[in-house]
Amino acid sequence: MSKTKIRIDYSKCGENGKVDPRDCHKCLEVCDPCVFLMHEALGYKEEDP
């Protein structure tokens, strides 16, 4: 099994790309959470299923 390559468009992170993507959370709202299993977001709380 190969690793999933994640490409982040930093220009969309926060206001004019000035926010760390781990603080922005837009990626987590769009992609399936399992894609980000190895990429912890700062302060992001996901509901316990």
N, C-alpha and C. Protein backbone atom coordinates (compact mmCIF):
# COMPACT_ATOMS: atom_id res chain seq x y z
N MET A 1 0.84 -1.18 0.00
CA MET A 1 0.00 0.00 0.00
C MET A 1 0.89 1.25 0.00
N SER A 2 0.61 2.17 -0.87
CA SER A 2 1.41 3.39 -0.95
C SER A 2 0.80 4.50 -0.10
N LYS A 3 1.64 5.46 0.24
CA LYS A 3 1.16 6.60 1.02
C LYS A 3 0.37 7.54 0.13
N THR A 4 -0.63 8.17 0.73
CA THR A 4 -1.42 9.16 0.01
C THR A 4 -0.64 10.47 -0.03
N LYS A 5 -0.48 11.02 -1.21
CA LYS A 5 0.20 12.31 -1.35
C LYS A 5 -0.83 13.41 -1.16
N ILE A 6 -0.55 14.30 -0.24
CA ILE A 6 -1.46 15.40 0.04
C ILE A 6 -0.80 16.68 -0.43
N ARG A 7 -1.46 17.38 -1.32
CA ARG A 7 -0.95 18.65 -1.83
C ARG A 7 -1.88 19.75 -1.32
N ILE A 8 -1.33 20.68 -0.58
CA ILE A 8 -2.13 21.75 0.01
C ILE A 8 -1.86 23.05 -0.74
N ASP A 9 -2.93 23.72 -1.13
CA ASP A 9 -2.82 25.04 -1.76
C ASP A 9 -2.81 26.06 -0.62
N TYR A 10 -1.62 26.46 -0.21
CA TYR A 10 -1.47 27.34 0.94
C TYR A 10 -2.13 28.71 0.75
N SER A 11 -2.40 29.09 -0.49
CA SER A 11 -3.04 30.38 -0.73
C SER A 11 -4.49 30.39 -0.24
N LYS A 12 -5.05 29.21 0.02
CA LYS A 12 -6.44 29.12 0.50
C LYS A 12 -6.53 28.94 2.01
N CYS A 13 -5.38 28.88 2.68
CA CYS A 13 -5.36 28.66 4.13
C CYS A 13 -5.56 29.98 4.86
N GLY A 14 -6.71 30.12 5.47
CA GLY A 14 -7.00 31.34 6.21
C GLY A 14 -7.17 32.53 5.29
N GLU A 15 -6.68 33.67 5.76
CA GLU A 15 -6.82 34.92 5.01
C GLU A 15 -5.58 35.14 4.14
N ASN A 16 -5.73 34.99 2.84
CA ASN A 16 -4.63 35.19 1.88
C ASN A 16 -3.42 34.28 2.14
N GLY A 17 -3.68 33.08 2.63
CA GLY A 17 -2.59 32.12 2.83
C GLY A 17 -1.67 32.42 3.98
N LYS A 18 -2.16 33.18 4.95
CA LYS A 18 -1.31 33.57 6.08
C LYS A 18 -1.54 32.73 7.33
N VAL A 19 -2.26 31.62 7.19
CA VAL A 19 -2.57 30.77 8.33
C VAL A 19 -1.98 29.39 8.10
N ASP A 20 -1.41 28.81 9.15
CA ASP A 20 -0.90 27.44 9.07
C ASP A 20 -2.07 26.52 8.73
N PRO A 21 -1.91 25.62 7.75
CA PRO A 21 -3.02 24.76 7.34
C PRO A 21 -3.57 23.90 8.48
N ARG A 22 -2.74 23.62 9.49
CA ARG A 22 -3.22 22.84 10.64
C ARG A 22 -4.17 23.66 11.50
N ASP A 23 -4.09 24.98 11.42
CA ASP A 23 -5.00 25.85 12.16
C ASP A 23 -6.24 26.19 11.35
N CYS A 24 -6.14 26.11 10.03
CA CYS A 24 -7.22 26.53 9.13
C CYS A 24 -8.39 25.54 9.12
N HIS A 25 -8.13 24.26 8.98
CA HIS A 25 -9.12 23.18 8.99
C HIS A 25 -9.97 23.05 7.73
N LYS A 26 -9.79 23.89 6.72
CA LYS A 26 -10.59 23.76 5.49
C LYS A 26 -10.36 22.39 4.86
N CYS A 27 -9.12 21.91 4.90
CA CYS A 27 -8.80 20.59 4.31
C CYS A 27 -9.61 19.49 4.98
N LEU A 28 -9.71 19.57 6.31
CA LEU A 28 -10.40 18.54 7.06
C LEU A 28 -11.90 18.55 6.79
N GLU A 29 -12.44 19.69 6.42
CA GLU A 29 -13.87 19.77 6.13
C GLU A 29 -14.20 19.20 4.75
N VAL A 30 -13.22 19.14 3.86
CA VAL A 30 -13.43 18.68 2.49
C VAL A 30 -13.08 17.22 2.31
N CYS A 31 -11.93 16.81 2.87
CA CYS A 31 -11.43 15.45 2.66
C CYS A 31 -11.92 14.48 3.73
N ASP A 32 -11.91 13.21 3.36
CA ASP A 32 -12.25 12.15 4.29
C ASP A 32 -11.26 12.17 5.45
N PRO A 33 -11.72 12.13 6.70
CA PRO A 33 -10.80 12.23 7.84
C PRO A 33 -9.67 11.20 7.84
N CYS A 34 -9.90 10.01 7.29
CA CYS A 34 -8.84 9.00 7.32
C CYS A 34 -7.63 9.42 6.49
N VAL A 35 -7.80 10.32 5.54
CA VAL A 35 -6.67 10.81 4.75
C VAL A 35 -5.70 11.56 5.64
N PHE A 36 -6.21 12.21 6.66
CA PHE A 36 -5.40 13.04 7.53
C PHE A 36 -5.04 12.35 8.84
N LEU A 37 -5.20 11.05 8.90
CA LEU A 37 -4.93 10.30 10.12
C LEU A 37 -3.51 10.55 10.64
N MET A 38 -2.55 10.64 9.74
CA MET A 38 -1.17 10.85 10.13
C MET A 38 -0.77 12.33 10.16
N HIS A 39 -1.72 13.21 9.90
CA HIS A 39 -1.43 14.64 9.85
C HIS A 39 -2.32 15.35 10.87
N GLU A 40 -1.84 15.42 12.10
CA GLU A 40 -2.64 15.99 13.18
C GLU A 40 -2.84 17.49 12.98
N ALA A 41 -4.06 17.94 13.16
CA ALA A 41 -4.37 19.36 13.07
C ALA A 41 -4.37 19.95 14.47
N LEU A 42 -3.82 21.12 14.61
CA LEU A 42 -3.75 21.76 15.91
C LEU A 42 -5.13 22.17 16.38
N GLY A 43 -5.53 21.68 17.53
CA GLY A 43 -6.80 22.08 18.13
C GLY A 43 -8.04 21.54 17.46
N TYR A 44 -7.89 20.65 16.48
CA TYR A 44 -9.07 20.13 15.78
C TYR A 44 -9.68 18.99 16.57
N LYS A 45 -10.96 19.11 16.88
CA LYS A 45 -11.68 18.07 17.62
C LYS A 45 -12.70 17.44 16.69
N GLU A 46 -12.56 16.14 16.46
CA GLU A 46 -13.49 15.41 15.61
C GLU A 46 -14.46 14.65 16.50
N GLU A 47 -15.73 14.59 16.09
CA GLU A 47 -16.73 13.88 16.87
C GLU A 47 -16.38 12.40 16.97
N ASP A 48 -16.63 11.83 18.14
CA ASP A 48 -16.39 10.41 18.36
C ASP A 48 -17.58 9.64 17.79
N PRO A 49 -17.32 8.75 16.81
CA PRO A 49 -18.45 8.05 16.16
C PRO A 49 -19.20 7.11 17.07
